[in-house]
C-alpha atoms as a PDB file:
ATOM      1  CA  MET A   1       0.000   0.000   0.000  1.00  0.00           C
ATOM      2  CA  LYS A   2       1.181   3.528  -0.727  1.00  0.00           C
ATOM      3  CA  LEU A   3       0.817   7.114   0.415  1.00  0.00           C
ATOM      4  CA  GLY A   4       2.262   8.826  -2.612  1.00  0.00           C
ATOM      5  CA  PRO A   5       5.822   7.444  -2.735  1.00  0.00           C
ATOM      6  CA  TYR A   6       5.691   5.913   0.759  1.00  0.00           C
ATOM      7  CA  ILE A   7       5.560   2.129   1.099  1.00  0.00           C
ATOM      8  CA  LEU A   8       3.400   1.177   4.071  1.00  0.00           C
ATOM      9  CA  GLY A   9       2.678  -1.886   6.124  1.00  0.00           C
ATOM     10  CA  PRO A  10      -0.843  -3.316   6.586  1.00  0.00           C
ATOM     11  CA  THR A  11      -3.483  -0.591   6.573  1.00  0.00           C
ATOM     12  CA  GLU A  12      -7.171  -0.223   5.878  1.00  0.00           C
ATOM     13  CA  ASP A  13      -6.770   2.657   3.410  1.00  0.00           C
ATOM     14  CA  GLU A  14      -4.372   3.161   0.512  1.00  0.00           C
ATOM     15  CA  HIS A  15      -3.837   6.829   1.378  1.00  0.00           C
ATOM     16  CA  GLN A  16      -2.503   6.410   4.901  1.00  0.00           C
ATOM     17  CA  GLY A  17      -1.236   3.865   7.361  1.00  0.00           C
ATOM     18  CA  ILE A  18       0.818   2.858  10.378  1.00  0.00           C
ATOM     19  CA  TYR A  19       4.173   1.344   9.540  1.00  0.00           C
ATOM     20  CA  THR A  20       5.618  -1.291  11.894  1.00  0.00           C
ATOM     21  CA  GLY A  21       9.293  -0.577  12.353  1.00  0.00           C
ATOM     22  CA  ASP A  22      11.913   1.838  13.641  1.00  0.00           C
ATOM     23  CA  ALA A  23      11.181   5.312  12.262  1.00  0.00           C
ATOM     24  CA  ARG A  24      14.882   6.121  12.397  1.00  0.00           C
ATOM     25  CA  GLU A  25      15.522   3.361   9.845  1.00  0.00           C
ATOM     26  CA  LEU A  26      12.410   3.898   7.706  1.00  0.00           C
ATOM     27  CA  ALA A  27      12.251   7.703   7.571  1.00  0.00           C
ATOM     28  CA  PRO A  28      15.062   8.061   5.000  1.00  0.00           C
ATOM     29  CA  ALA A  29      12.577   6.736   2.390  1.00  0.00           C
ATOM     30  CA  ILE A  30      10.395   9.839   2.899  1.00  0.00           C
ATOM     31  CA  PRO A  31      11.162  12.392   0.161  1.00  0.00           C
ATOM     32  CA  ASP A  32      12.564  15.779   1.057  1.00  0.00           C
ATOM     33  CA  GLU A  33      10.051  18.600   1.640  1.00  0.00           C
ATOM     34  CA  SER A  34       6.995  16.359   1.215  1.00  0.00           C
ATOM     35  CA  VAL A  35       5.303  16.674   4.635  1.00  0.00           C
ATOM     36  CA  ASP A  36       2.890  19.354   5.905  1.00  0.00           C
ATOM     37  CA  LEU A  37       3.045  18.655   9.653  1.00  0.00           C
ATOM     38  CA  VAL A  38       5.092  16.528  12.046  1.00  0.00           C
ATOM     39  CA  PHE A  39       3.196  15.846  15.273  1.00  0.00           C
ATOM     40  CA  THR A  40       4.709  13.242  17.566  1.00  0.00           C
ATOM     41  CA  ASP A  41       5.316  11.989  21.105  1.00  0.00           C
ATOM     42  CA  PRO A  42       8.867  10.642  21.665  1.00  0.00           C
ATOM     43  CA  ILE A  43      10.024   8.835  24.789  1.00  0.00           C
ATOM     44  CA  TYR A  44      10.884  11.820  26.949  1.00  0.00           C
ATOM     45  CA  GLN A  45      14.206  10.707  28.392  1.00  0.00           C
ATOM     46  CA  ASN A  46      15.586   9.756  24.957  1.00  0.00           C
ATOM     47  CA  ILE A  47      17.058  13.148  24.088  1.00  0.00           C
ATOM     48  CA  ASP A  48      18.889  11.669  21.097  1.00  0.00           C
ATOM     49  CA  ASP A  49      15.461  10.964  19.578  1.00  0.00           C
ATOM     50  CA  TYR A  50      14.697  14.690  19.716  1.00  0.00           C
ATOM     51  CA  ARG A  51      17.974  15.440  17.939  1.00  0.00           C
ATOM     52  CA  TRP A  52      17.095  12.868  15.298  1.00  0.00           C
ATOM     53  CA  LEU A  53      13.583  14.328  15.064  1.00  0.00           C
ATOM     54  CA  ALA A  54      14.993  17.812  14.435  1.00  0.00           C
ATOM     55  CA  GLU A  55      17.259  16.577  11.665  1.00  0.00           C
ATOM     56  CA  THR A  56      14.518  14.494  10.030  1.00  0.00           C
ATOM     57  CA  ALA A  57      11.766  17.099  10.351  1.00  0.00           C
ATOM     58  CA  ALA A  58      14.030  19.748   8.861  1.00  0.00           C
ATOM     59  CA  ARG A  59      14.515  17.507   5.834  1.00  0.00           C
ATOM     60  CA  VAL A  60      10.985  16.181   5.210  1.00  0.00           C
ATOM     61  CA  LEU A  61       8.916  19.268   6.106  1.00  0.00           C
ATOM     62  CA  LYS A  62       7.887  21.725   3.446  1.00  0.00           C
ATOM     63  CA  ALA A  63       9.052  25.310   3.916  1.00  0.00           C
ATOM     64  CA  ASP A  64       7.460  27.186   6.827  1.00  0.00           C
ATOM     65  CA  LYS A  65       5.736  24.062   8.189  1.00  0.00           C
ATOM     66  CA  ALA A  66       5.568  23.051  11.857  1.00  0.00           C
ATOM     67  CA  CYS A  67       6.846  20.252  14.041  1.00  0.00           C
ATOM     68  CA  LEU A  68       4.948  19.677  17.304  1.00  0.00           C
ATOM     69  CA  ALA A  69       6.584  17.405  19.875  1.00  0.00           C
ATOM     70  CA  TRP A  70       5.521  16.348  23.354  1.00  0.00           C
ATOM     71  CA  TYR A  71       8.153  16.301  26.099  1.00  0.00           C
ATOM     72  CA  GLY A  72       8.445  15.786  29.848  1.00  0.00           C
ATOM     73  CA  ILE A  73       8.830  18.986  31.856  1.00  0.00           C
ATOM     74  CA  ARG A  74      11.932  17.728  33.663  1.00  0.00           C
ATOM     75  CA  TYR A  75      13.717  17.417  30.299  1.00  0.00           C
ATOM     76  CA  LEU A  76      12.873  20.900  28.993  1.00  0.00           C
ATOM     77  CA  ASP A  77      16.445  22.239  29.241  1.00  0.00           C
ATOM     78  CA  GLU A  78      17.674  19.356  27.085  1.00  0.00           C
ATOM     79  CA  VAL A  79      14.759  19.111  24.644  1.00  0.00           C
ATOM     80  CA  ILE A  80      14.728  22.739  23.470  1.00  0.00           C
ATOM     81  CA  PRO A  81      18.347  22.841  22.215  1.00  0.00           C
ATOM     82  CA  ALA A  82      17.967  19.326  20.774  1.00  0.00           C
ATOM     83  CA  LEU A  83      14.846  20.204  18.786  1.00  0.00           C
ATOM     84  CA  CYS A  84      15.725  23.797  17.860  1.00  0.00           C
ATOM     85  CA  SER A  85      18.456  22.859  15.426  1.00  0.00           C
ATOM     86  CA  ASN A  86      19.036  21.971  11.768  1.00  0.00           C
ATOM     87  CA  GLY A  87      16.933  24.883  10.573  1.00  0.00           C
ATOM     88  CA  LEU A  88      14.036  24.401  13.015  1.00  0.00           C
ATOM     89  CA  HIS A  89      13.168  27.551  14.968  1.00  0.00           C
ATOM     90  CA  TYR A  90      11.456  27.855  18.343  1.00  0.00           C
ATOM     91  CA  ARG A  91       7.938  29.305  18.181  1.00  0.00           C
ATOM     92  CA  TRP A  92       6.031  28.445  21.367  1.00  0.00           C
ATOM     93  CA  ASN A  93       5.803  26.095  24.343  1.00  0.00           C
ATOM     94  CA  ASN A  94       2.508  24.925  25.850  1.00  0.00           C
ATOM     95  CA  VAL A  95       2.501  23.264  29.281  1.00  0.00           C
ATOM     96  CA  VAL A  96      -0.492  21.132  30.183  1.00  0.00           C
ATOM     97  CA  ARG A  97      -1.583  19.143  33.216  1.00  0.00           C
ATOM     98  CA  ILE A  98      -2.402  15.494  32.588  1.00  0.00           C
ATOM     99  CA  VAL A  99      -4.699  13.642  34.971  1.00  0.00           C
ATOM    100  CA  ALA A 100      -4.026   9.949  34.562  1.00  0.00           C
ATOM    101  CA  ARG A 101      -6.469   7.112  35.101  1.00  0.00           C
ATOM    102  CA  GLN A 102      -6.754   5.791  38.631  1.00  0.00           C
ATOM    103  CA  LYS A 103      -3.802   3.667  39.693  1.00  0.00           C
ATOM    104  CA  LYS A 104      -4.057   1.979  43.067  1.00  0.00           C
ATOM    105  CA  ALA A 105      -0.278   1.788  43.216  1.00  0.00           C
ATOM    106  CA  TYR A 106      -0.242   5.591  43.559  1.00  0.00           C
ATOM    107  CA  CYS A 107      -3.449   6.552  45.320  1.00  0.00           C
ATOM    108  CA  ALA A 108      -7.184   5.924  45.179  1.00  0.00           C
ATOM    109  CA  MET A 109      -7.837   9.228  43.402  1.00  0.00           C
ATOM    110  CA  GLY A 110      -5.288   8.675  40.650  1.00  0.00           C
ATOM    111  CA  TRP A 111      -2.364  10.998  39.939  1.00  0.00           C
ATOM    112  CA  SER A 112      -1.351  13.909  37.745  1.00  0.00           C
ATOM    113  CA  PHE A 113       1.750  15.421  36.178  1.00  0.00           C
ATOM    114  CA  TYR A 114       2.765  18.144  33.751  1.00  0.00           C
ATOM    115  CA  MET A 115       4.141  17.875  30.240  1.00  0.00           C
ATOM    116  CA  GLY A 116       4.751  20.258  27.393  1.00  0.00           C
ATOM    117  CA  LEU A 117       4.073  20.530  23.683  1.00  0.00           C
ATOM    118  CA  LEU A 118       6.907  22.295  21.886  1.00  0.00           C
ATOM    119  CA  TRP A 119       6.187  24.114  18.614  1.00  0.00           C
ATOM    120  CA  VAL A 120       9.157  24.541  16.280  1.00  0.00           C
ATOM    121  CA  GLU A 121       9.041  25.510  12.626  1.00  0.00           C
ATOM    122  CA  LYS A 122      11.114  25.048   9.485  1.00  0.00           C
ATOM    123  CA  GLY A 123      12.269  28.431   8.244  1.00  0.00           C
ATOM    124  CA  ARG A 124      10.717  31.744   9.139  1.00  0.00           C
ATOM    125  CA  MET A 125       7.062  32.277   8.303  1.00  0.00           C
ATOM    126  CA  LYS A 126       6.272  35.394   6.273  1.00  0.00           C
ATOM    127  CA  ALA A 127       2.804  35.606   7.841  1.00  0.00           C
ATOM    128  CA  ARG A 128       3.436  34.710  11.466  1.00  0.00           C
ATOM    129  CA  ARG A 129       0.948  32.330  12.984  1.00  0.00           C
ATOM    130  CA  SER A 130      -0.701  33.281  16.259  1.00  0.00           C
ATOM    131  CA  ARG A 131       0.839  31.671  19.311  1.00  0.00           C
ATOM    132  CA  ASP A 132      -2.685  31.289  20.657  1.00  0.00           C
ATOM    133  CA  LEU A 133      -3.150  28.376  18.253  1.00  0.00           C
ATOM    134  CA  ILE A 134      -1.189  26.056  20.484  1.00  0.00           C
ATOM    135  CA  THR A 135      -2.702  27.265  23.767  1.00  0.00           C
ATOM    136  CA  VAL A 136      -5.976  25.361  23.778  1.00  0.00           C
ATOM    137  CA  PRO A 137      -7.919  23.744  26.645  1.00  0.00           C
ATOM    138  CA  PHE A 138      -6.705  20.243  27.454  1.00  0.00           C
ATOM    139  CA  ARG A 139      -9.712  18.480  28.939  1.00  0.00           C
ATOM    140  CA  GLU A 140      -9.878  14.727  29.028  1.00  0.00           C
ATOM    141  CA  ASN A 141     -12.093  11.835  30.022  1.00  0.00           C
ATOM    142  CA  ARG A 142      -9.291   9.591  31.232  1.00  0.00           C
ATOM    143  CA  GLN A 143     -11.629   6.648  31.740  1.00  0.00           C
ATOM    144  CA  HIS A 144     -12.558   6.510  28.047  1.00  0.00           C
ATOM    145  CA  PRO A 145     -11.182   3.583  25.941  1.00  0.00           C
ATOM    146  CA  GLN A 146      -9.379   6.010  23.585  1.00  0.00           C
ATOM    147  CA  TYR A 147      -6.710   6.280  26.294  1.00  0.00           C
ATOM    148  CA  ALA A 148      -5.224   2.855  25.764  1.00  0.00           C
ATOM    149  CA  HIS A 149      -2.580   3.597  28.388  1.00  0.00           C
ATOM    150  CA  SER A 150      -1.850   6.251  30.993  1.00  0.00           C
ATOM    151  CA  TRP A 151       0.175   8.389  28.583  1.00  0.00           C
ATOM    152  CA  GLY A 152      -2.558   8.639  25.924  1.00  0.00           C
ATOM    153  CA  LYS A 153      -3.204  12.182  24.675  1.00  0.00           C
ATOM    154  CA  SER A 154      -6.541  13.940  24.239  1.00  0.00           C
ATOM    155  CA  ARG A 155      -8.097  13.695  20.784  1.00  0.00           C
ATOM    156  CA  ARG A 156      -9.994  16.890  21.480  1.00  0.00           C
ATOM    157  CA  ALA A 157      -6.822  18.946  21.989  1.00  0.00           C
ATOM    158  CA  THR A 158      -4.991  17.026  19.250  1.00  0.00           C
ATOM    159  CA  SER A 159      -7.757  17.957  16.811  1.00  0.00           C
ATOM    160  CA  GLU A 160      -7.323  21.645  17.619  1.00  0.00           C
ATOM    161  CA  TRP A 161      -3.624  21.510  16.779  1.00  0.00           C
ATOM    162  CA  VAL A 162      -4.006  19.349  13.659  1.00  0.00           C
ATOM    163  CA  SER A 163      -6.707  21.752  12.418  1.00  0.00           C
ATOM    164  CA  ALA A 164      -4.547  24.798  13.147  1.00  0.00           C
ATOM    165  CA  PHE A 165      -1.388  23.521  11.469  1.00  0.00           C
ATOM    166  CA  SER A 166      -2.773  21.638   8.448  1.00  0.00           C
ATOM    167  CA  LYS A 167      -5.664  21.528   6.002  1.00  0.00           C
ATOM    168  CA  THR A 168      -7.747  18.841   4.295  1.00  0.00           C
ATOM    169  CA  GLY A 169      -5.584  16.576   2.165  1.00  0.00           C
ATOM    170  CA  ASP A 170      -2.313  17.499   3.888  1.00  0.00           C
ATOM    171  CA  ILE A 171       0.203  14.851   4.972  1.00  0.00           C
ATOM    172  CA  VAL A 172       0.784  14.535   8.726  1.00  0.00           C
ATOM    173  CA  ILE A 173       3.505  12.295  10.165  1.00  0.00           C
ATOM    174  CA  ASP A 174       3.802  10.800  13.652  1.00  0.00           C
ATOM    175  CA  PHE A 175       7.175   9.099  14.129  1.00  0.00           C
ATOM    176  CA  PHE A 176       6.359   7.642  17.584  1.00  0.00           C
ATOM    177  CA  VAL A 177       2.661   6.815  17.421  1.00  0.00           C
ATOM    178  CA  GLY A 178       2.013   4.599  20.498  1.00  0.00           C
ATOM    179  CA  GLU A 179      -1.061   2.464  21.027  1.00  0.00           C
ATOM    180  CA  SER A 180      -3.580   5.298  21.554  1.00  0.00           C
ATOM    181  CA  ALA A 181      -2.746   6.757  18.113  1.00  0.00           C
ATOM    182  CA  PRO A 182      -4.406  10.168  18.685  1.00  0.00           C
ATOM    183  CA  VAL A 183      -2.752  11.837  15.683  1.00  0.00           C
ATOM    184  CA  PRO A 184      -3.770   9.236  13.049  1.00  0.00           C
ATOM    185  CA  ALA A 185      -7.268   8.975  14.573  1.00  0.00           C
ATOM    186  CA  VAL A 186      -7.790  12.743  14.428  1.00  0.00           C
ATOM    187  CA  CYS A 187      -6.358  12.873  10.896  1.00  0.00           C
ATOM    188  CA  LYS A 188      -8.948  10.298   9.856  1.00  0.00           C
ATOM    189  CA  ILE A 189     -11.714  12.474  11.289  1.00  0.00           C
ATOM    190  CA  LEU A 190     -10.388  15.694   9.772  1.00  0.00           C
ATOM    191  CA  GLY A 191      -9.571  14.402   6.300  1.00  0.00           C
ATOM    192  CA  ARG A 192      -5.774  14.485   6.502  1.00  0.00           C
ATOM    193  CA  HIS A 193      -3.440  11.812   5.161  1.00  0.00           C
ATOM    194  CA  TRP A 194      -1.263  10.302   7.855  1.00  0.00           C
ATOM    195  CA  LEU A 195       1.887   8.262   8.047  1.00  0.00           C
ATOM    196  CA  ALA A 196       2.809   6.835  11.451  1.00  0.00           C
ATOM    197  CA  PHE A 197       5.534   4.570  12.817  1.00  0.00           C
ATOM    198  CA  GLU A 198       5.610   2.158  15.752  1.00  0.00           C
ATOM    199  CA  ILE A 199       8.574  -0.071  16.491  1.00  0.00           C
ATOM    200  CA  ILE A 200       6.723  -2.676  18.610  1.00  0.00           C
ATOM    201  CA  PRO A 201       4.464  -4.887  16.413  1.00  0.00           C
ATOM    202  CA  GLU A 202       1.866  -5.501  19.129  1.00  0.00           C
ATOM    203  CA  THR A 203       1.622  -1.784  19.872  1.00  0.00           C
ATOM    204  CA  ALA A 204       1.343  -0.997  16.154  1.00  0.00           C
ATOM    205  CA  GLU A 205      -1.609  -3.367  15.829  1.00  0.00           C
ATOM    206  CA  LEU A 206      -3.328  -1.776  18.839  1.00  0.00           C
ATOM    207  CA  ALA A 207      -2.816   1.612  17.190  1.00  0.00           C
ATOM    208  CA  ARG A 208      -4.346   0.332  13.934  1.00  0.00           C
ATOM    209  CA  LYS A 209      -7.316  -1.013  15.868  1.00  0.00           C
ATOM    210  CA  MET A 210      -7.791   2.370  17.549  1.00  0.00           C
ATOM    211  CA  VAL A 211      -7.810   4.097  14.150  1.00  0.00           C
ATOM    212  CA  ARG A 212     -10.135   1.483  12.604  1.00  0.00           C
ATOM    213  CA  ASN A 213     -12.610   2.111  15.421  1.00  0.00           C
ATOM    214  CA  THR A 214     -12.572   5.855  14.747  1.00  0.00           C
ATOM    215  CA  GLN A 215     -15.502   7.000  12.631  1.00  0.00           C
ATOM    216  CA  PRO A 216     -14.721   9.373   9.730  1.00  0.00           C
ATOM    217  CA  PRO A 217     -17.129  12.236   8.894  1.00  0.00           C
ATOM    218  CA  LEU A 218     -20.120  11.478   6.693  1.00  0.00           C
ATOM    219  CA  PRO A 219     -19.541  11.819   2.912  1.00  0.00           C
ATOM    220  CA  GLY A 220     -20.186  15.311   1.595  1.00  0.00           C
ATOM    221  CA  LEU A 221     -19.489  17.130   4.872  1.00  0.00           C
ATOM    222  CA  ASN A 222     -16.876  19.889   4.866  1.00  0.00           C
ATOM    223  CA  VAL A 223     -14.596  18.762   7.702  1.00  0.00           C
ATOM    224  CA  GLU A 224     -12.962  22.195   7.885  1.00  0.00           C
ATOM    225  CA  GLN A 225     -16.306  23.615   9.046  1.00  0.00           C
ATOM    226  CA  LEU A 226     -17.119  20.929  11.588  1.00  0.00           C
ATOM    227  CA  SER A 227     -17.019  22.038  15.215  1.00  0.00           C
ATOM    228  CA  LEU A 228     -15.667  19.876  18.005  1.00  0.00           C
ATOM    229  CA  THR A 229     -19.202  19.332  19.228  1.00  0.00           C
ATOM    230  CA  ASN A 230     -20.229  17.900  15.867  1.00  0.00           C
ATOM    231  CA  ILE A 231     -17.443  15.447  15.128  1.00  0.00           C
ATOM    232  CA  HIS A 232     -17.481  13.611  18.497  1.00  0.00           C
ATOM    233  CA  LEU A 233     -13.755  13.479  19.016  1.00  0.00           C
ATOM    234  CA  ASP A 234     -14.128  11.549  22.232  1.00  0.00           C
ATOM    235  CA  GLN A 235     -15.850   8.743  20.268  1.00  0.00           C
ATOM    236  CA  ARG A 236     -18.457   8.329  23.000  1.00  0.00           C
ATOM    237  CA  ARG A 237     -20.824   5.386  22.639  1.00  0.00           C
END
């Protein structure tokens, strides 16, 4: 199956898919300046992955396009210089509070922590985008099945950022997709093409299942005009 020139693994749609394998080995096959948005969630303590992400995003992104990357607050001093390199420029940093599902090992009421979403960009935009685009409410129903694990990210907030940084038909890449797969799921809802990578086969299949269970908009609807209340990003049943 293909997404333009990209060769994908098993997927339900010929225009997008989740590739099982190490993104660091597979990404060289992505053509230069062919991607509209990189939106990903690396393992926070692996600072070398952020350096690799900066180098790869700078190559595959089109001019003046964004890379959004999650990071752990304790690693901020290392992540910013790692990601703001190779032609990627710092634009904004959004810190959010995550309330995880209840874990008896911690306490009966669950636990919470803070993480950040770093916005860097290839080149310098002629028409500067508003920094308010990245500062959106981050409300979650942590008990919902879309959070396949404690680190799953909100589809509602993810949809705001995907909408702000891309348009219908654009190509969005997630190099570290994880089993909750919020970026591919939101891209399916919003009419973007996606390419995602997951190194663990079992996790990749869980991610594919999560995307398969996500309902796309009805034919004929203009997804750019759909509000969050209309497209049911929480996939409630």
